[in-house]
Amino acid sequence: MSVLATTDLTRRFGAIIALDRLTMDLPSAGVIGLVGPNGSGKSTLIRILLGLIKPTGGSASVLGSSISSPQTYTSRVGVLVESPAFIGSLSPRANLVSLARLRGVPLERVDAVLAQVGLIGRDREPVKRFSLGMKQRLGIAAALLSDPDLLILDEPTNGLDPAGIVEIRELLRQLGRAGRTVIVSSHQLSEIEAVCDHLVIVRFGELIFSGPMSEVLKRTREHIDIAAEHDEATQPLLDALVADGWTVSASDGGLRVVAGASRAADLNRAATAAGVTLSRLAVGQDNLEEIFLAMTGRVDGELTRDRHLTDVEVA
């Protein structure tokens, strides 16, 4: 069963089109990444799915129920939007007990979610002593209280240090392996690549890609990064390689050549033939960030070239 399906889903804010006939069908179970440049409509999509705003056109379903009746499915959806708020003087357990009583959730769920997010043993300390990573764990525990089939997390690693990011990454993997569906909206593309099974890319409210992470990563290319021993030789080396038929672009502190490891020796010889000594030659492969930038635009000028945006934020 699809966990989420949309057909021509559209949302306008005056002259701004936040979602533009978005059509997709997402599988249940696992971790799904939702990414796009700022202003692409990600937050608007989440708000529509939660019944907080209505679409201008089209339709969608969540867990098999139409978004026209969100009350039929919202109890099966857990949500965490950026940094959650808790009473700092209370313990995680006390905060969760209060939430459980407010939502009519059995209190035994408190122990279950504390264990699930790895807070047993820390559950009686004041929340104000917690790191950001621990608070994010508690936020996810709160989202899991009702034992939802679908978990929606908006920027779950926002503001975390590397250790906190690793904590949340491992937790999301565990949730996905357990058969729960987790939708993660994030700008941390390295984390999306590391944790997600499925990927959705939107740009200006339009669907750019939806499919398995493995499929989008097939678009990666091998490359060789090189640097001339002397900076003034970089441009002559670029000109010589291009004239010789290599595909070359400027890179941080050097040049990037589209070629695999098997061409490394040929590339070195080509540089020598051009009278340039290399100080660096390293074989690598594109990552999700590079694929994403190629698909959506690398700078704000590229992102706005085909569409003029006002100061109205559509997320």
C-alpha atoms as a PDB file:
ATOM      1  CA  MET A   1       0.000   0.000   0.000  1.00  0.00           C
ATOM      2  CA  SER A   2       1.169   3.529  -0.740  1.00  0.00           C
ATOM      3  CA  VAL A   3       1.864   5.540   2.369  1.00  0.00           C
ATOM      4  CA  LEU A   4       1.313   8.747   0.427  1.00  0.00           C
ATOM      5  CA  ALA A   5      -0.076   9.473  -3.027  1.00  0.00           C
ATOM      6  CA  THR A   6      -0.729  12.809  -4.727  1.00  0.00           C
ATOM      7  CA  THR A   7      -2.343  13.630  -8.056  1.00  0.00           C
ATOM      8  CA  ASP A   8      -1.884  17.101  -9.573  1.00  0.00           C
ATOM      9  CA  LEU A   9      -1.616  18.528  -6.055  1.00  0.00           C
ATOM     10  CA  THR A  10      -1.480  22.321  -6.319  1.00  0.00           C
ATOM     11  CA  ARG A  11      -1.279  25.135  -3.804  1.00  0.00           C
ATOM     12  CA  ARG A  12      -1.194  28.836  -4.632  1.00  0.00           C
ATOM     13  CA  PHE A  13      -0.503  31.777  -2.343  1.00  0.00           C
ATOM     14  CA  GLY A  14      -1.730  34.653  -4.477  1.00  0.00           C
ATOM     15  CA  ALA A  15       0.565  34.772  -7.483  1.00  0.00           C
ATOM     16  CA  ILE A  16       2.996  32.303  -5.912  1.00  0.00           C
ATOM     17  CA  ILE A  17       2.687  28.634  -6.879  1.00  0.00           C
ATOM     18  CA  ALA A  18       3.999  26.672  -3.896  1.00  0.00           C
ATOM     19  CA  LEU A  19       3.012  23.267  -5.312  1.00  0.00           C
ATOM     20  CA  ASP A  20       2.569  22.826  -9.036  1.00  0.00           C
ATOM     21  CA  ARG A  21       0.508  19.742 -10.016  1.00  0.00           C
ATOM     22  CA  LEU A  22       2.618  17.476  -7.841  1.00  0.00           C
ATOM     23  CA  THR A  23       2.020  13.802  -8.620  1.00  0.00           C
ATOM     24  CA  MET A  24       3.827  11.014  -6.787  1.00  0.00           C
ATOM     25  CA  ASP A  25       3.278   7.664  -5.081  1.00  0.00           C
ATOM     26  CA  LEU A  26       5.470   6.781  -2.100  1.00  0.00           C
ATOM     27  CA  PRO A  27       5.987   3.247  -0.734  1.00  0.00           C
ATOM     28  CA  SER A  28       5.300   2.228   2.845  1.00  0.00           C
ATOM     29  CA  ALA A  29       8.074   1.166   5.246  1.00  0.00           C
ATOM     30  CA  GLY A  30      11.584   2.589   5.281  1.00  0.00           C
ATOM     31  CA  VAL A  31      12.962   6.124   5.302  1.00  0.00           C
ATOM     32  CA  ILE A  32      11.963   8.607   2.594  1.00  0.00           C
ATOM     33  CA  GLY A  33      13.939  11.803   2.019  1.00  0.00           C
ATOM     34  CA  LEU A  34      12.113  14.975   0.946  1.00  0.00           C
ATOM     35  CA  VAL A  35      14.575  17.549  -0.385  1.00  0.00           C
ATOM     36  CA  GLY A  36      14.606  20.699  -2.471  1.00  0.00           C
ATOM     37  CA  PRO A  37      16.029  24.227  -2.503  1.00  0.00           C
ATOM     38  CA  ASN A  38      14.531  26.839  -0.194  1.00  0.00           C
ATOM     39  CA  GLY A  39      11.119  27.901  -1.467  1.00  0.00           C
ATOM     40  CA  SER A  40      10.407  24.584  -3.184  1.00  0.00           C
ATOM     41  CA  GLY A  41       7.189  23.821  -1.305  1.00  0.00           C
ATOM     42  CA  LYS A  42       8.377  21.098   1.082  1.00  0.00           C
ATOM     43  CA  SER A  43       6.830  22.663   4.182  1.00  0.00           C
ATOM     44  CA  THR A  44       3.686  23.520   2.244  1.00  0.00           C
ATOM     45  CA  LEU A  45       3.347  19.870   1.255  1.00  0.00           C
ATOM     46  CA  ILE A  46       3.747  18.744   4.874  1.00  0.00           C
ATOM     47  CA  ARG A  47       1.128  21.245   6.056  1.00  0.00           C
ATOM     48  CA  ILE A  48      -1.350  20.010   3.448  1.00  0.00           C
ATOM     49  CA  LEU A  49      -0.773  16.378   4.401  1.00  0.00           C
ATOM     50  CA  LEU A  50      -1.424  17.211   8.062  1.00  0.00           C
ATOM     51  CA  GLY A  51      -4.653  19.039   7.239  1.00  0.00           C
ATOM     52  CA  LEU A  52      -3.280  22.423   8.358  1.00  0.00           C
ATOM     53  CA  ILE A  53      -3.953  24.075   4.991  1.00  0.00           C
ATOM     54  CA  LYS A  54      -6.061  23.047   2.013  1.00  0.00           C
ATOM     55  CA  PRO A  55      -4.751  22.552  -1.522  1.00  0.00           C
ATOM     56  CA  THR A  56      -5.863  24.834  -4.337  1.00  0.00           C
ATOM     57  CA  GLY A  57      -6.313  21.862  -6.631  1.00  0.00           C
ATOM     58  CA  GLY A  58      -5.642  18.187  -7.115  1.00  0.00           C
ATOM     59  CA  SER A  59      -5.919  15.429  -4.545  1.00  0.00           C
ATOM     60  CA  ALA A  60      -3.844  13.348  -2.155  1.00  0.00           C
ATOM     61  CA  SER A  61      -4.175  10.461   0.242  1.00  0.00           C
ATOM     62  CA  VAL A  62      -2.255   9.564   3.394  1.00  0.00           C
ATOM     63  CA  LEU A  63      -2.311   5.968   4.652  1.00  0.00           C
ATOM     64  CA  GLY A  64      -5.120   5.256   2.207  1.00  0.00           C
ATOM     65  CA  SER A  65      -7.391   8.111   3.363  1.00  0.00           C
ATOM     66  CA  SER A  66      -8.156  11.321   1.470  1.00  0.00           C
ATOM     67  CA  ILE A  67      -6.655  14.562   2.796  1.00  0.00           C
ATOM     68  CA  SER A  68     -10.181  15.989   2.581  1.00  0.00           C
ATOM     69  CA  SER A  69     -10.825  14.121   5.856  1.00  0.00           C
ATOM     70  CA  PRO A  70      -7.551  14.398   7.820  1.00  0.00           C
ATOM     71  CA  GLN A  71      -9.274  13.311  11.029  1.00  0.00           C
ATOM     72  CA  THR A  72      -9.411   9.785   9.612  1.00  0.00           C
ATOM     73  CA  TYR A  73      -5.626   9.381   9.611  1.00  0.00           C
ATOM     74  CA  THR A  74      -3.888  12.066  11.723  1.00  0.00           C
ATOM     75  CA  SER A  75      -3.982   9.833  14.812  1.00  0.00           C
ATOM     76  CA  ARG A  76      -1.756   7.421  12.857  1.00  0.00           C
ATOM     77  CA  VAL A  77       0.788  10.133  11.983  1.00  0.00           C
ATOM     78  CA  GLY A  78       3.575  11.357  14.275  1.00  0.00           C
ATOM     79  CA  VAL A  79       5.195  14.722  13.574  1.00  0.00           C
ATOM     80  CA  LEU A  80       8.364  16.521  14.638  1.00  0.00           C
ATOM     81  CA  VAL A  81       8.945  20.006  13.236  1.00  0.00           C
ATOM     82  CA  GLU A  82      12.477  21.276  13.898  1.00  0.00           C
ATOM     83  CA  SER A  83      13.334  21.753  17.609  1.00  0.00           C
ATOM     84  CA  PRO A  84      10.561  20.479  19.910  1.00  0.00           C
ATOM     85  CA  ALA A  85       9.569  22.404  23.056  1.00  0.00           C
ATOM     86  CA  PHE A  86       9.509  20.696  26.459  1.00  0.00           C
ATOM     87  CA  ILE A  87       9.341  21.864  30.055  1.00  0.00           C
ATOM     88  CA  GLY A  88      13.022  22.056  30.975  1.00  0.00           C
ATOM     89  CA  SER A  89      12.579  21.497  34.695  1.00  0.00           C
ATOM     90  CA  LEU A  90      10.724  18.236  34.115  1.00  0.00           C
ATOM     91  CA  SER A  91      12.237  14.911  33.167  1.00  0.00           C
ATOM     92  CA  PRO A  92      11.678  13.253  29.787  1.00  0.00           C
ATOM     93  CA  ARG A  93       9.365  10.781  31.504  1.00  0.00           C
ATOM     94  CA  ALA A  94       7.269  13.528  33.105  1.00  0.00           C
ATOM     95  CA  ASN A  95       7.034  15.440  29.821  1.00  0.00           C
ATOM     96  CA  LEU A  96       5.919  12.340  27.953  1.00  0.00           C
ATOM     97  CA  VAL A  97       3.409  11.321  30.658  1.00  0.00           C
ATOM     98  CA  SER A  98       1.806  14.773  30.359  1.00  0.00           C
ATOM     99  CA  LEU A  99       1.605  14.439  26.581  1.00  0.00           C
ATOM    100  CA  ALA A 100       0.205  10.911  26.810  1.00  0.00           C
ATOM    101  CA  ARG A 101      -2.568  12.021  29.166  1.00  0.00           C
ATOM    102  CA  LEU A 102      -3.360  15.009  26.943  1.00  0.00           C
ATOM    103  CA  ARG A 103      -3.621  12.788  23.850  1.00  0.00           C
ATOM    104  CA  GLY A 104      -5.390   9.904  25.544  1.00  0.00           C
ATOM    105  CA  VAL A 105      -2.489   7.544  24.915  1.00  0.00           C
ATOM    106  CA  PRO A 106      -1.941   4.580  27.294  1.00  0.00           C
ATOM    107  CA  LEU A 107       0.827   5.412  29.767  1.00  0.00           C
ATOM    108  CA  GLU A 108       2.690   2.187  29.027  1.00  0.00           C
ATOM    109  CA  ARG A 109       3.635   3.772  25.695  1.00  0.00           C
ATOM    110  CA  VAL A 110       5.941   6.141  27.614  1.00  0.00           C
ATOM    111  CA  ASP A 111       8.332   3.344  28.574  1.00  0.00           C
ATOM    112  CA  ALA A 112       8.104   1.886  25.084  1.00  0.00           C
ATOM    113  CA  VAL A 113       9.135   5.086  23.289  1.00  0.00           C
ATOM    114  CA  LEU A 114      11.823   5.951  25.844  1.00  0.00           C
ATOM    115  CA  ALA A 115      13.394   2.583  25.135  1.00  0.00           C
ATOM    116  CA  GLN A 116      12.921   2.987  21.397  1.00  0.00           C
ATOM    117  CA  VAL A 117      14.879   6.246  21.249  1.00  0.00           C
ATOM    118  CA  GLY A 118      17.522   5.142  23.771  1.00  0.00           C
ATOM    119  CA  LEU A 119      16.587   7.389  26.691  1.00  0.00           C
ATOM    120  CA  ILE A 120      16.117   4.718  29.364  1.00  0.00           C
ATOM    121  CA  GLY A 121      18.600   5.577  32.111  1.00  0.00           C
ATOM    122  CA  ARG A 122      18.391   9.283  31.292  1.00  0.00           C
ATOM    123  CA  ASP A 123      14.616   9.521  31.600  1.00  0.00           C
ATOM    124  CA  ARG A 124      14.528  11.079  35.102  1.00  0.00           C
ATOM    125  CA  GLU A 125      17.010  13.895  34.506  1.00  0.00           C
ATOM    126  CA  PRO A 126      15.763  17.448  33.893  1.00  0.00           C
ATOM    127  CA  VAL A 127      15.397  18.058  30.167  1.00  0.00           C
ATOM    128  CA  LYS A 128      17.284  21.365  30.530  1.00  0.00           C
ATOM    129  CA  ARG A 129      20.486  19.331  31.011  1.00  0.00           C
ATOM    130  CA  PHE A 130      20.065  17.548  27.691  1.00  0.00           C
ATOM    131  CA  SER A 131      22.144  18.188  24.593  1.00  0.00           C
ATOM    132  CA  LEU A 132      20.377  19.130  21.354  1.00  0.00           C
ATOM    133  CA  GLY A 133      20.762  15.548  20.151  1.00  0.00           C
ATOM    134  CA  MET A 134      19.097  14.192  23.282  1.00  0.00           C
ATOM    135  CA  LYS A 135      16.270  16.733  22.952  1.00  0.00           C
ATOM    136  CA  GLN A 136      15.743  15.638  19.357  1.00  0.00           C
ATOM    137  CA  ARG A 137      15.534  12.042  20.567  1.00  0.00           C
ATOM    138  CA  LEU A 138      12.899  13.143  23.065  1.00  0.00           C
ATOM    139  CA  GLY A 139      11.029  14.976  20.301  1.00  0.00           C
ATOM    140  CA  ILE A 140      10.962  11.821  18.213  1.00  0.00           C
ATOM    141  CA  ALA A 141       9.783   9.883  21.289  1.00  0.00           C
ATOM    142  CA  ALA A 142       6.887  12.338  21.609  1.00  0.00           C
ATOM    143  CA  ALA A 143       6.054  11.843  17.927  1.00  0.00           C
ATOM    144  CA  LEU A 144       6.080   8.069  18.461  1.00  0.00           C
ATOM    145  CA  LEU A 145       3.768   8.121  21.503  1.00  0.00           C
ATOM    146  CA  SER A 146       0.658   7.179  19.554  1.00  0.00           C
ATOM    147  CA  ASP A 147       2.551   4.339  17.807  1.00  0.00           C
ATOM    148  CA  PRO A 148       2.029   5.967  14.377  1.00  0.00           C
ATOM    149  CA  ASP A 149       2.299   4.186  11.056  1.00  0.00           C
ATOM    150  CA  LEU A 150       3.841   7.296   9.511  1.00  0.00           C
ATOM    151  CA  LEU A 151       6.430   9.598  11.058  1.00  0.00           C
ATOM    152  CA  ILE A 152       7.102  13.018   9.479  1.00  0.00           C
ATOM    153  CA  LEU A 153      10.289  14.773  10.611  1.00  0.00           C
ATOM    154  CA  ASP A 154      11.138  18.284   9.426  1.00  0.00           C
ATOM    155  CA  GLU A 155      14.873  19.019   9.804  1.00  0.00           C
ATOM    156  CA  PRO A 156      15.462  16.477  12.612  1.00  0.00           C
ATOM    157  CA  THR A 157      19.219  17.208  12.672  1.00  0.00           C
ATOM    158  CA  ASN A 158      18.881  20.996  12.569  1.00  0.00           C
ATOM    159  CA  GLY A 159      21.513  22.651  14.791  1.00  0.00           C
ATOM    160  CA  LEU A 160      23.061  19.384  15.973  1.00  0.00           C
ATOM    161  CA  ASP A 161      26.768  18.740  16.382  1.00  0.00           C
ATOM    162  CA  PRO A 162      28.325  15.769  14.535  1.00  0.00           C
ATOM    163  CA  ALA A 163      27.718  13.415  17.465  1.00  0.00           C
ATOM    164  CA  GLY A 164      24.056  14.440  17.640  1.00  0.00           C
ATOM    165  CA  ILE A 165      23.649  13.946  13.894  1.00  0.00           C
ATOM    166  CA  VAL A 166      25.045  10.409  14.188  1.00  0.00           C
ATOM    167  CA  GLU A 167      22.604   9.688  17.043  1.00  0.00           C
ATOM    168  CA  ILE A 168      19.592  10.742  14.992  1.00  0.00           C
ATOM    169  CA  ARG A 169      20.865   8.964  11.864  1.00  0.00           C
ATOM    170  CA  GLU A 170      21.085   5.639  13.684  1.00  0.00           C
ATOM    171  CA  LEU A 171      17.662   6.129  15.226  1.00  0.00           C
ATOM    172  CA  LEU A 172      16.040   6.795  11.844  1.00  0.00           C
ATOM    173  CA  ARG A 173      17.683   3.681  10.413  1.00  0.00           C
ATOM    174  CA  GLN A 174      16.292   1.616  13.277  1.00  0.00           C
ATOM    175  CA  LEU A 175      12.787   2.984  12.753  1.00  0.00           C
ATOM    176  CA  GLY A 176      12.918   2.251   9.028  1.00  0.00           C
ATOM    177  CA  ARG A 177      14.229  -1.286   9.560  1.00  0.00           C
ATOM    178  CA  ALA A 178      11.403  -1.911  12.036  1.00  0.00           C
ATOM    179  CA  GLY A 179       8.860  -1.415   9.240  1.00  0.00           C
ATOM    180  CA  ARG A 180       7.738   2.113  10.073  1.00  0.00           C
ATOM    181  CA  THR A 181       7.536   4.767   7.337  1.00  0.00           C
ATOM    182  CA  VAL A 182       9.607   7.862   8.093  1.00  0.00           C
ATOM    183  CA  ILE A 183       9.521  10.951   5.865  1.00  0.00           C
ATOM    184  CA  VAL A 184      12.494  13.235   6.521  1.00  0.00           C
ATOM    185  CA  SER A 185      12.675  16.769   5.151  1.00  0.00           C
ATOM    186  CA  SER A 186      16.223  18.081   5.436  1.00  0.00           C
ATOM    187  CA  HIS A 187      18.930  20.229   3.862  1.00  0.00           C
ATOM    188  CA  GLN A 188      21.608  17.852   5.170  1.00  0.00           C
ATOM    189  CA  LEU A 189      22.043  15.926   1.922  1.00  0.00           C
ATOM    190  CA  SER A 190      24.857  13.765   3.240  1.00  0.00           C
ATOM    191  CA  GLU A 191      22.504  12.539   5.961  1.00  0.00           C
ATOM    192  CA  ILE A 192      19.689  11.971   3.472  1.00  0.00           C
ATOM    193  CA  GLU A 193      22.069   9.886   1.360  1.00  0.00           C
ATOM    194  CA  ALA A 194      23.235   7.903   4.390  1.00  0.00           C
ATOM    195  CA  VAL A 195      19.838   7.067   5.867  1.00  0.00           C
ATOM    196  CA  CYS A 196      17.119   7.114   3.175  1.00  0.00           C
ATOM    197  CA  ASP A 197      15.807   4.259   1.047  1.00  0.00           C
ATOM    198  CA  HIS A 198      13.661   6.471  -1.196  1.00  0.00           C
ATOM    199  CA  LEU A 199      14.130  10.048  -2.376  1.00  0.00           C
ATOM    200  CA  VAL A 200      11.784  12.845  -3.463  1.00  0.00           C
ATOM    201  CA  ILE A 201      13.237  16.024  -4.995  1.00  0.00           C
ATOM    202  CA  VAL A 202      11.045  19.076  -5.588  1.00  0.00           C
ATOM    203  CA  ARG A 203      11.940  22.399  -7.212  1.00  0.00           C
ATOM    204  CA  PHE A 204       9.551  25.342  -7.264  1.00  0.00           C
ATOM    205  CA  GLY A 205       6.754  22.963  -6.288  1.00  0.00           C
ATOM    206  CA  GLU A 206       7.417  20.655  -9.221  1.00  0.00           C
ATOM    207  CA  LEU A 207       8.488  17.039  -8.860  1.00  0.00           C
ATOM    208  CA  ILE A 208      12.031  16.560 -10.174  1.00  0.00           C
ATOM    209  CA  PHE A 209      12.581  12.982  -9.007  1.00  0.00           C
ATOM    210  CA  SER A 210      10.837  10.300  -6.975  1.00  0.00           C
ATOM    211  CA  GLY A 211      12.275   6.834  -6.632  1.00  0.00           C
ATOM    212  CA  PRO A 212      14.698   4.567  -4.785  1.00  0.00           C
ATOM    213  CA  MET A 213      17.888   6.191  -3.533  1.00  0.00           C
ATOM    214  CA  SER A 214      19.846   3.557  -5.443  1.00  0.00           C
ATOM    215  CA  GLU A 215      18.270   4.773  -8.686  1.00  0.00           C
ATOM    216  CA  VAL A 216      19.286   8.405  -8.263  1.00  0.00           C
ATOM    217  CA  LEU A 217      22.784   7.377  -7.166  1.00  0.00           C
ATOM    218  CA  LYS A 218      23.181   5.548 -10.491  1.00  0.00           C
ATOM    219  CA  ARG A 219      23.544   9.027 -11.958  1.00  0.00           C
ATOM    220  CA  THR A 220      26.865   9.474 -10.199  1.00  0.00           C
ATOM    221  CA  ARG A 221      29.994   9.742 -12.312  1.00  0.00           C
ATOM    222  CA  GLU A 222      33.574   8.945 -11.506  1.00  0.00           C
ATOM    223  CA  HIS A 223      35.923  11.889 -11.611  1.00  0.00           C
ATOM    224  CA  ILE A 224      39.568  12.675 -11.046  1.00  0.00           C
ATOM    225  CA  ASP A 225      40.559  15.782  -9.106  1.00  0.00           C
ATOM    226  CA  ILE A 226      43.933  17.220 -10.040  1.00  0.00           C
ATOM    227  CA  ALA A 227      45.975  20.230  -9.015  1.00  0.00           C
ATOM    228  CA  ALA A 228      49.009  21.759 -10.685  1.00  0.00           C
ATOM    229  CA  GLU A 229      52.154  22.192  -8.616  1.00  0.00           C
ATOM    230  CA  HIS A 230      52.024  25.930  -9.327  1.00  0.00           C
ATOM    231  CA  ASP A 231      48.743  27.886  -9.404  1.00  0.00           C
ATOM    232  CA  GLU A 232      49.682  29.823 -12.535  1.00  0.00           C
ATOM    233  CA  ALA A 233      49.800  26.542 -14.461  1.00  0.00           C
ATOM    234  CA  THR A 234      46.131  25.723 -13.758  1.00  0.00           C
ATOM    235  CA  GLN A 235      44.637  27.660 -16.679  1.00  0.00           C
ATOM    236  CA  PRO A 236      47.181  26.421 -19.263  1.00  0.00           C
ATOM    237  CA  LEU A 237      46.574  22.869 -18.025  1.00  0.00           C
ATOM    238  CA  LEU A 238      42.807  23.326 -18.367  1.00  0.00           C
ATOM    239  CA  ASP A 239      43.197  24.639 -21.906  1.00  0.00           C
ATOM    240  CA  ALA A 240      45.527  21.786 -22.884  1.00  0.00           C
ATOM    241  CA  LEU A 241      43.259  19.067 -21.490  1.00  0.00           C
ATOM    242  CA  VAL A 242      40.149  20.496 -23.166  1.00  0.00           C
ATOM    243  CA  ALA A 243      42.013  20.699 -26.476  1.00  0.00           C
ATOM    244  CA  ASP A 244      43.017  17.066 -25.972  1.00  0.00           C
ATOM    245  CA  GLY A 245      39.363  16.013 -25.595  1.00  0.00           C
ATOM    246  CA  TRP A 246      39.043  15.712 -21.824  1.00  0.00           C
ATOM    247  CA  THR A 247      35.898  16.943 -20.023  1.00  0.00           C
ATOM    248  CA  VAL A 248      37.250  19.356 -17.419  1.00  0.00           C
ATOM    249  CA  SER A 249      35.843  21.959 -15.032  1.00  0.00           C
ATOM    250  CA  ALA A 250      37.321  24.185 -12.344  1.00  0.00           C
ATOM    251  CA  SER A 251      37.187  22.719  -8.850  1.00  0.00           C
ATOM    252  CA  ASP A 252      38.293  23.815  -5.389  1.00  0.00           C
ATOM    253  CA  GLY A 253      41.987  24.557  -5.722  1.00  0.00           C
ATOM    254  CA  GLY A 254      42.350  22.705  -9.015  1.00  0.00           C
ATOM    255  CA  LEU A 255      40.492  20.917 -11.797  1.00  0.00           C
ATOM    256  CA  ARG A 256      37.933  18.134 -11.968  1.00  0.00           C
ATOM    257  CA  VAL A 257      38.116  15.732 -14.890  1.00  0.00           C
ATOM    258  CA  VAL A 258      35.202  13.441 -15.786  1.00  0.00           C
ATOM    259  CA  ALA A 259      37.001  10.114 -16.001  1.00  0.00           C
ATOM    260  CA  GLY A 260      37.354   6.867 -14.100  1.00  0.00           C
ATOM    261  CA  ALA A 261      40.285   5.413 -12.217  1.00  0.00           C
ATOM    262  CA  SER A 262      41.429   3.527 -15.328  1.00  0.00           C
ATOM    263  CA  ARG A 263      42.268   6.868 -16.986  1.00  0.00           C
ATOM    264  CA  ALA A 264      44.356   8.248 -14.126  1.00  0.00           C
ATOM    265  CA  ALA A 265      47.687   7.302 -15.702  1.00  0.00           C
ATOM    266  CA  ASP A 266      46.616   8.736 -19.087  1.00  0.00           C
ATOM    267  CA  LEU A 267      45.619  11.971 -17.369  1.00  0.00           C
ATOM    268  CA  ASN A 268      48.960  12.213 -15.619  1.00  0.00           C
ATOM    269  CA  ARG A 269      50.769  11.702 -18.915  1.00  0.00           C
ATOM    270  CA  ALA A 270      48.566  14.372 -20.568  1.00  0.00           C
ATOM    271  CA  ALA A 271      49.526  16.861 -17.865  1.00  0.00           C
ATOM    272  CA  THR A 272      53.215  16.019 -18.313  1.00  0.00           C
ATOM    273  CA  ALA A 273      52.870  16.452 -22.083  1.00  0.00           C
ATOM    274  CA  ALA A 274      51.445  19.916 -21.414  1.00  0.00           C
ATOM    275  CA  GLY A 275      54.530  20.714 -19.346  1.00  0.00           C
ATOM    276  CA  VAL A 276      52.670  20.717 -16.018  1.00  0.00           C
ATOM    277  CA  THR A 277      53.671  18.779 -12.902  1.00  0.00           C
ATOM    278  CA  LEU A 278      50.748  17.653 -10.752  1.00  0.00           C
ATOM    279  CA  SER A 279      50.790  18.031  -6.982  1.00  0.00           C
ATOM    280  CA  ARG A 280      47.536  16.119  -6.540  1.00  0.00           C
ATOM    281  CA  LEU A 281      45.643  13.400  -8.411  1.00  0.00           C
ATOM    282  CA  ALA A 282      42.697  11.787  -6.616  1.00  0.00           C
ATOM    283  CA  VAL A 283      39.951   9.535  -7.975  1.00  0.00           C
ATOM    284  CA  GLY A 284      36.450  10.111  -6.578  1.00  0.00           C
ATOM    285  CA  GLN A 285      32.766   9.797  -7.353  1.00  0.00           C
ATOM    286  CA  ASP A 286      29.862  12.251  -7.296  1.00  0.00           C
ATOM    287  CA  ASN A 287      27.722  12.255  -4.150  1.00  0.00           C
ATOM    288  CA  LEU A 288      24.055  13.109  -3.652  1.00  0.00           C
ATOM    289  CA  GLU A 289      24.837  16.791  -3.130  1.00  0.00           C
ATOM    290  CA  GLU A 290      26.458  17.053  -6.545  1.00  0.00           C
ATOM    291  CA  ILE A 291      23.584  15.200  -8.224  1.00  0.00           C
ATOM    292  CA  PHE A 292      21.082  17.410  -6.394  1.00  0.00           C
ATOM    293  CA  LEU A 293      22.816  20.620  -7.493  1.00  0.00           C
ATOM    294  CA  ALA A 294      22.991  19.393 -11.083  1.00  0.00           C
ATOM    295  CA  MET A 295      19.236  18.697 -11.024  1.00  0.00           C
ATOM    296  CA  THR A 296      18.049  21.819  -9.204  1.00  0.00           C
ATOM    297  CA  GLY A 297      20.627  24.557  -9.842  1.00  0.00           C
ATOM    298  CA  ARG A 298      23.848  25.461  -8.075  1.00  0.00           C
ATOM    299  CA  VAL A 299      23.276  29.086  -7.081  1.00  0.00           C
ATOM    300  CA  ASP A 300      20.329  31.352  -6.369  1.00  0.00           C
ATOM    301  CA  GLY A 301      20.708  32.940  -9.794  1.00  0.00           C
ATOM    302  CA  GLU A 302      20.138  29.584 -11.465  1.00  0.00           C
ATOM    303  CA  LEU A 303      17.200  28.831  -9.202  1.00  0.00           C
ATOM    304  CA  THR A 304      15.402  32.079 -10.013  1.00  0.00           C
ATOM    305  CA  ARG A 305      16.348  32.441 -13.662  1.00  0.00           C
ATOM    306  CA  ASP A 306      13.190  30.790 -14.959  1.00  0.00           C
ATOM    307  CA  ARG A 307      10.833  32.029 -12.274  1.00  0.00           C
ATOM    308  CA  HIS A 308      10.535  35.383 -10.545  1.00  0.00           C
ATOM    309  CA  LEU A 309       9.745  35.011  -6.837  1.00  0.00           C
ATOM    310  CA  THR A 310       8.404  37.687  -4.505  1.00  0.00           C
ATOM    311  CA  ASP A 311       9.326  38.040  -0.847  1.00  0.00           C
ATOM    312  CA  VAL A 312       6.427  35.775   0.154  1.00  0.00           C
ATOM    313  CA  GLU A 313       7.976  32.632   1.669  1.00  0.00           C
ATOM    314  CA  VAL A 314       6.399  29.388   0.551  1.00  0.00           C
ATOM    315  CA  ALA A 315       8.960  27.091   2.250  1.00  0.00           C
END
